N, C-alpha and C. Protein backbone atom coordinates (compact mmCIF):
# COMPACT_ATOMS: atom_id res chain seq x y z
N MET A 1 0.87 -1.43 0.20
CA MET A 1 0.04 0.02 0.13
C MET A 1 0.83 0.97 -0.42
N ARG A 2 1.90 1.25 0.41
CA ARG A 2 2.65 2.26 0.95
C ARG A 2 3.25 3.03 -0.43
N LYS A 3 3.80 1.88 -1.26
CA LYS A 3 4.28 2.08 -2.65
C LYS A 3 3.32 2.81 -3.39
N HIS A 4 2.08 2.52 -3.42
CA HIS A 4 1.16 3.02 -4.23
C HIS A 4 0.93 4.88 -3.48
N VAL A 5 1.41 5.10 -2.73
CA VAL A 5 0.84 6.31 -2.07
C VAL A 5 2.53 7.33 -2.39
N LEU A 6 3.42 6.79 -2.23
CA LEU A 6 4.58 7.49 -2.15
C LEU A 6 4.95 7.74 -3.84
N GLY A 7 4.43 6.89 -4.76
CA GLY A 7 4.65 7.14 -6.07
C GLY A 7 3.84 8.52 -6.57
N PRO A 8 2.90 8.46 -6.22
CA PRO A 8 2.14 9.78 -6.67
C PRO A 8 2.68 10.92 -5.86
N ILE A 9 3.02 10.70 -4.89
CA ILE A 9 3.60 12.08 -4.13
C ILE A 9 5.02 12.33 -4.88
N PHE A 10 5.91 11.38 -5.21
CA PHE A 10 7.14 11.63 -5.61
C PHE A 10 6.87 12.14 -7.05
N PHE A 11 5.83 11.43 -8.01
CA PHE A 11 5.76 12.24 -9.07
C PHE A 11 5.15 13.71 -8.87
N ILE A 12 4.44 13.97 -8.24
CA ILE A 12 3.98 15.31 -8.27
C ILE A 12 4.97 16.28 -7.81
N PHE A 13 5.97 15.67 -6.98
CA PHE A 13 7.13 16.22 -6.40
C PHE A 13 8.18 16.91 -7.62
N LEU A 14 8.19 15.70 -8.54
CA LEU A 14 8.88 16.17 -9.74
C LEU A 14 7.86 16.86 -10.83
N LEU A 15 6.99 16.74 -10.78
CA LEU A 15 6.35 17.77 -11.60
C LEU A 15 6.31 19.41 -11.19
N SER A 16 6.47 19.55 -9.81
CA SER A 16 6.41 21.01 -9.19
C SER A 16 8.22 21.43 -9.55
N ILE A 17 8.75 20.83 -9.70
CA ILE A 17 10.37 21.50 -10.03
C ILE A 17 10.26 22.27 -11.24
N PRO A 18 9.70 21.91 -12.65
CA PRO A 18 9.94 23.02 -13.37
C PRO A 18 8.70 24.30 -13.70
N ALA A 19 8.09 24.11 -12.90
CA ALA A 19 7.32 25.35 -12.17
C ALA A 19 7.91 26.20 -11.29
N ARG A 20 8.50 25.76 -10.43
CA ARG A 20 9.39 26.78 -9.48
C ARG A 20 10.48 27.29 -10.48
N SER A 21 10.87 26.42 -10.97
CA SER A 21 11.82 26.88 -12.14
C SER A 21 11.63 28.22 -13.16
N LEU A 22 10.47 27.91 -13.26
CA LEU A 22 9.37 28.83 -14.51
C LEU A 22 9.45 30.16 -13.91
N ALA A 23 9.01 30.12 -12.15
CA ALA A 23 8.45 30.99 -11.87
C ALA A 23 9.75 32.08 -11.44
N GLN A 24 11.00 31.29 -10.86
CA GLN A 24 11.75 31.96 -11.23
C GLN A 24 12.59 32.61 -12.23
N SER A 25 12.58 32.25 -13.37
CA SER A 25 13.13 32.87 -14.73
C SER A 25 12.49 33.83 -15.13
N GLN A 26 10.76 34.06 -14.93
CA GLN A 26 9.76 34.87 -15.22
C GLN A 26 10.27 36.14 -14.32
N SER A 27 10.43 35.85 -12.87
CA SER A 27 10.97 37.07 -12.22
C SER A 27 12.44 37.39 -12.53
N SER A 28 13.08 36.97 -13.13
CA SER A 28 14.41 37.12 -13.28
C SER A 28 14.42 38.29 -14.52
N VAL A 29 13.24 37.98 -15.67
CA VAL A 29 13.08 39.10 -16.54
C VAL A 29 12.42 40.44 -16.08
N ARG A 30 12.44 40.85 -14.92
CA ARG A 30 11.56 42.02 -14.59
C ARG A 30 12.22 42.94 -14.01
N GLY A 31 11.84 44.11 -13.45
CA GLY A 31 12.54 45.23 -13.12
C GLY A 31 11.78 45.70 -12.16
N GLU A 32 12.62 47.15 -11.47
CA GLU A 32 11.52 48.24 -10.75
C GLU A 32 11.59 49.05 -10.66
N LEU A 33 10.79 50.46 -10.20
CA LEU A 33 10.66 51.64 -10.48
C LEU A 33 10.22 52.00 -9.20
N GLY A 34 11.37 52.88 -8.40
CA GLY A 34 11.04 53.49 -7.39
C GLY A 34 11.66 55.02 -7.22
N GLY A 35 11.58 55.74 -6.11
CA GLY A 35 11.88 56.50 -5.89
C GLY A 35 11.43 57.66 -4.69
N THR A 36 11.60 58.78 -5.12
CA THR A 36 11.37 59.62 -3.43
C THR A 36 10.92 60.86 -4.12
N VAL A 37 9.50 60.93 -3.42
CA VAL A 37 8.70 62.46 -3.51
C VAL A 37 9.00 63.76 -2.90
N VAL A 38 9.37 64.63 -3.13
CA VAL A 38 9.85 65.61 -2.60
C VAL A 38 8.98 67.20 -2.95
N ASP A 39 9.16 68.18 -1.84
CA ASP A 39 8.56 69.07 -2.32
C ASP A 39 9.56 70.33 -2.79
N SER A 40 9.01 71.24 -3.03
CA SER A 40 10.11 72.74 -3.91
C SER A 40 11.17 72.97 -2.68
N SER A 41 11.28 72.60 -1.32
CA SER A 41 12.39 72.91 -0.71
C SER A 41 12.86 71.63 -0.16
N LYS A 42 12.75 70.68 -1.18
CA LYS A 42 13.52 69.05 -0.95
C LYS A 42 13.38 68.40 0.01
N ALA A 43 12.11 68.57 1.23
CA ALA A 43 11.63 67.96 2.03
C ALA A 43 10.83 66.84 1.48
N VAL A 44 10.53 65.68 2.09
CA VAL A 44 9.87 64.39 1.73
C VAL A 44 8.47 64.62 1.64
N VAL A 45 7.66 64.13 1.31
CA VAL A 45 6.29 63.96 1.13
C VAL A 45 5.64 62.71 1.25
N ALA A 46 5.59 62.84 2.66
CA ALA A 46 4.88 61.47 3.24
C ALA A 46 3.11 61.42 2.45
N GLY A 47 2.84 60.06 2.49
CA GLY A 47 1.37 60.20 1.87
C GLY A 47 0.59 60.39 0.62
N ALA A 48 1.75 60.63 -0.29
CA ALA A 48 1.23 61.05 -1.59
C ALA A 48 1.14 59.87 -2.24
N SER A 49 -0.03 60.25 -3.48
CA SER A 49 -0.44 58.73 -4.51
C SER A 49 0.75 58.73 -5.39
N VAL A 50 1.10 57.83 -5.91
CA VAL A 50 1.58 57.59 -6.96
C VAL A 50 1.08 56.61 -7.76
N ALA A 51 1.21 57.06 -9.26
CA ALA A 51 0.38 56.02 -10.50
C ALA A 51 1.49 55.73 -11.53
N ILE A 52 1.62 54.65 -11.73
CA ILE A 52 2.15 54.45 -12.95
C ILE A 52 1.53 53.74 -14.12
N SER A 53 1.96 53.79 -15.46
CA SER A 53 1.15 53.28 -16.43
C SER A 53 2.22 53.25 -17.54
N GLY A 54 2.14 52.02 -17.84
CA GLY A 54 3.28 51.34 -18.78
C GLY A 54 2.64 49.99 -19.27
N PRO A 55 3.85 49.18 -19.93
CA PRO A 55 3.69 48.12 -20.31
C PRO A 55 3.23 46.62 -19.34
N THR A 56 3.71 46.88 -18.24
CA THR A 56 2.61 45.94 -17.20
C THR A 56 0.99 46.70 -16.75
N GLY A 57 0.83 47.90 -17.47
CA GLY A 57 -0.52 48.47 -17.09
C GLY A 57 -0.81 49.68 -16.28
N ASN A 58 -1.57 49.74 -15.49
CA ASN A 58 -1.86 50.92 -14.25
C ASN A 58 -1.10 49.97 -12.76
N ALA A 59 -0.81 51.20 -12.43
CA ALA A 59 -0.63 50.37 -10.78
C ALA A 59 -0.28 51.95 -10.40
N SER A 60 -0.77 51.38 -8.65
CA SER A 60 -0.68 52.79 -7.72
C SER A 60 -0.50 52.56 -6.52
N THR A 61 0.21 53.22 -5.44
CA THR A 61 0.47 52.97 -4.30
C THR A 61 0.84 54.36 -3.41
N MET A 62 1.27 54.30 -2.45
CA MET A 62 1.60 55.64 -1.79
C MET A 62 3.07 55.86 -0.98
N THR A 63 3.42 57.20 -1.06
CA THR A 63 4.51 57.28 -0.07
C THR A 63 4.68 56.81 0.84
N ASP A 64 5.64 56.45 1.64
CA ASP A 64 5.81 55.94 2.99
C ASP A 64 6.21 57.15 3.81
N ALA A 65 6.48 56.99 4.79
CA ALA A 65 7.01 58.24 5.81
C ALA A 65 8.08 58.70 5.73
N GLN A 66 9.03 58.09 4.71
CA GLN A 66 10.39 58.78 4.28
C GLN A 66 10.33 59.12 2.84
N GLY A 67 8.75 59.53 2.34
CA GLY A 67 8.78 59.85 1.12
C GLY A 67 8.82 58.72 -0.27
N GLU A 68 9.16 57.78 0.02
CA GLU A 68 9.92 56.52 -0.98
C GLU A 68 8.47 55.69 -1.51
N PHE A 69 8.62 55.33 -2.51
CA PHE A 69 7.76 54.49 -3.05
C PHE A 69 8.57 53.34 -4.14
N LEU A 70 7.94 52.28 -4.21
CA LEU A 70 8.59 50.96 -5.11
C LEU A 70 7.63 50.09 -5.73
N PHE A 71 7.63 50.24 -7.00
CA PHE A 71 6.87 49.08 -7.64
C PHE A 71 7.59 48.25 -7.99
N SER A 72 7.56 46.67 -7.97
CA SER A 72 8.67 45.99 -8.35
C SER A 72 7.77 44.97 -9.09
N ALA A 73 8.62 43.82 -9.82
CA ALA A 73 8.13 43.33 -10.61
C ALA A 73 7.65 43.64 -11.95
N LEU A 74 8.01 44.68 -12.34
CA LEU A 74 7.60 45.39 -13.80
C LEU A 74 8.04 44.77 -14.93
N ILE A 75 7.12 44.70 -15.90
CA ILE A 75 7.92 44.30 -17.28
C ILE A 75 9.03 45.38 -17.94
N PRO A 76 9.92 45.10 -18.47
CA PRO A 76 10.81 46.13 -18.79
C PRO A 76 10.24 47.09 -19.75
N GLY A 77 10.48 48.16 -19.97
CA GLY A 77 10.06 49.44 -20.91
C GLY A 77 9.77 50.40 -20.39
N ASN A 78 9.05 51.68 -21.23
CA ASN A 78 8.83 52.78 -20.42
C ASN A 78 7.69 53.15 -19.70
N TYR A 79 7.61 53.69 -18.90
CA TYR A 79 6.68 54.23 -17.79
C TYR A 79 6.41 55.64 -17.75
N ALA A 80 5.23 55.78 -17.50
CA ALA A 80 4.57 57.30 -16.88
C ALA A 80 4.40 57.46 -15.44
N VAL A 81 5.09 58.48 -14.74
CA VAL A 81 4.52 58.05 -13.36
C VAL A 81 3.87 59.81 -12.87
N LYS A 82 2.97 59.64 -12.35
CA LYS A 82 2.05 60.69 -11.74
C LYS A 82 1.93 60.41 -10.49
N VAL A 83 2.08 62.07 -9.64
CA VAL A 83 2.00 61.77 -8.05
C VAL A 83 1.23 63.19 -8.01
N GLU A 84 0.49 62.66 -6.72
CA GLU A 84 -0.64 63.69 -6.64
C GLU A 84 -0.57 63.96 -4.95
N LYS A 85 -1.07 64.59 -4.58
CA LYS A 85 -1.13 64.99 -2.86
C LYS A 85 -1.62 66.28 -2.51
N THR A 86 -2.95 66.22 -1.99
CA THR A 86 -3.65 67.48 -1.65
C THR A 86 -3.13 68.56 -0.89
N GLY A 87 -2.97 69.85 -1.59
CA GLY A 87 -2.13 70.78 -0.72
C GLY A 87 -0.88 71.12 -1.76
N PHE A 88 -0.88 70.34 -2.59
CA PHE A 88 0.81 70.18 -3.79
C PHE A 88 0.16 70.29 -5.12
N LYS A 89 0.99 70.63 -5.61
CA LYS A 89 0.65 70.70 -7.63
C LYS A 89 0.98 69.26 -7.74
N ALA A 90 0.01 68.69 -8.85
CA ALA A 90 0.59 67.33 -9.36
C ALA A 90 1.57 67.50 -10.21
N ALA A 91 2.74 66.42 -10.30
CA ALA A 91 3.53 66.46 -10.96
C ALA A 91 4.02 65.11 -11.69
N SER A 92 4.56 64.96 -13.08
CA SER A 92 4.51 63.58 -13.40
C SER A 92 5.69 63.85 -14.14
N VAL A 93 6.53 62.31 -14.85
CA VAL A 93 7.46 61.96 -14.93
C VAL A 93 7.17 61.26 -16.53
N GLN A 94 7.69 61.37 -17.24
CA GLN A 94 7.36 60.66 -18.41
C GLN A 94 8.51 59.46 -19.19
N ASN A 95 8.35 58.66 -19.71
CA ASN A 95 9.56 57.61 -20.52
C ASN A 95 10.51 57.33 -19.23
N VAL A 96 10.41 56.91 -17.97
CA VAL A 96 10.99 56.55 -16.97
C VAL A 96 11.39 54.91 -17.66
N GLU A 97 12.49 54.62 -17.71
CA GLU A 97 13.34 53.18 -18.47
C GLU A 97 13.35 52.16 -17.59
N VAL A 98 12.75 51.63 -17.52
CA VAL A 98 12.71 50.00 -16.32
C VAL A 98 13.48 48.99 -16.96
N GLN A 99 14.36 48.61 -16.37
CA GLN A 99 15.15 47.49 -17.35
C GLN A 99 15.16 46.39 -16.67
N ILE A 100 15.54 45.01 -17.09
CA ILE A 100 15.63 43.66 -16.39
C ILE A 100 16.87 43.53 -15.50
N ASN A 101 16.28 43.45 -14.47
CA ASN A 101 17.23 43.11 -13.29
C ASN A 101 17.83 44.41 -12.44
N LYS A 102 17.08 45.49 -12.78
CA LYS A 102 17.65 47.07 -12.18
C LYS A 102 16.53 47.80 -11.92
N LYS A 103 16.74 48.67 -10.76
CA LYS A 103 15.77 49.70 -10.28
C LYS A 103 15.78 51.25 -11.19
N ALA A 104 15.17 51.31 -11.70
CA ALA A 104 14.76 52.83 -12.07
C ALA A 104 14.66 53.75 -10.91
N SER A 105 15.48 54.63 -10.49
CA SER A 105 15.11 55.56 -9.28
C SER A 105 14.75 57.18 -9.75
N ILE A 106 14.04 57.47 -9.37
CA ILE A 106 13.67 59.23 -9.99
C ILE A 106 12.92 59.71 -8.10
N GLN A 107 13.56 61.05 -8.59
CA GLN A 107 13.16 62.08 -7.70
C GLN A 107 12.18 62.86 -8.33
N VAL A 108 10.95 63.01 -7.43
CA VAL A 108 9.75 63.96 -8.31
C VAL A 108 9.23 64.89 -7.33
């Protein structure tokens, strides 16, 4: 009886190995886009809304207490970044290039 139980479990384990390799290879062809949002006096702006659009589609996040933001696992290509916060003028940056295994860093 044990041979019948262990056989299928071992087979499932072997099938899962290529799936893990595929997931790892897909993440290795991605990049990141991050940066810092500051005001005109170069003070960081926490809680600003940051939106991107590009090959991955659209995504948004908020800046943290240090005014920083990060978008991970992006398809390489050019992205547009728009930053907004009540009381501040909206800002945008066009054509931010995300490359494979690199982090594109901007200050807005």
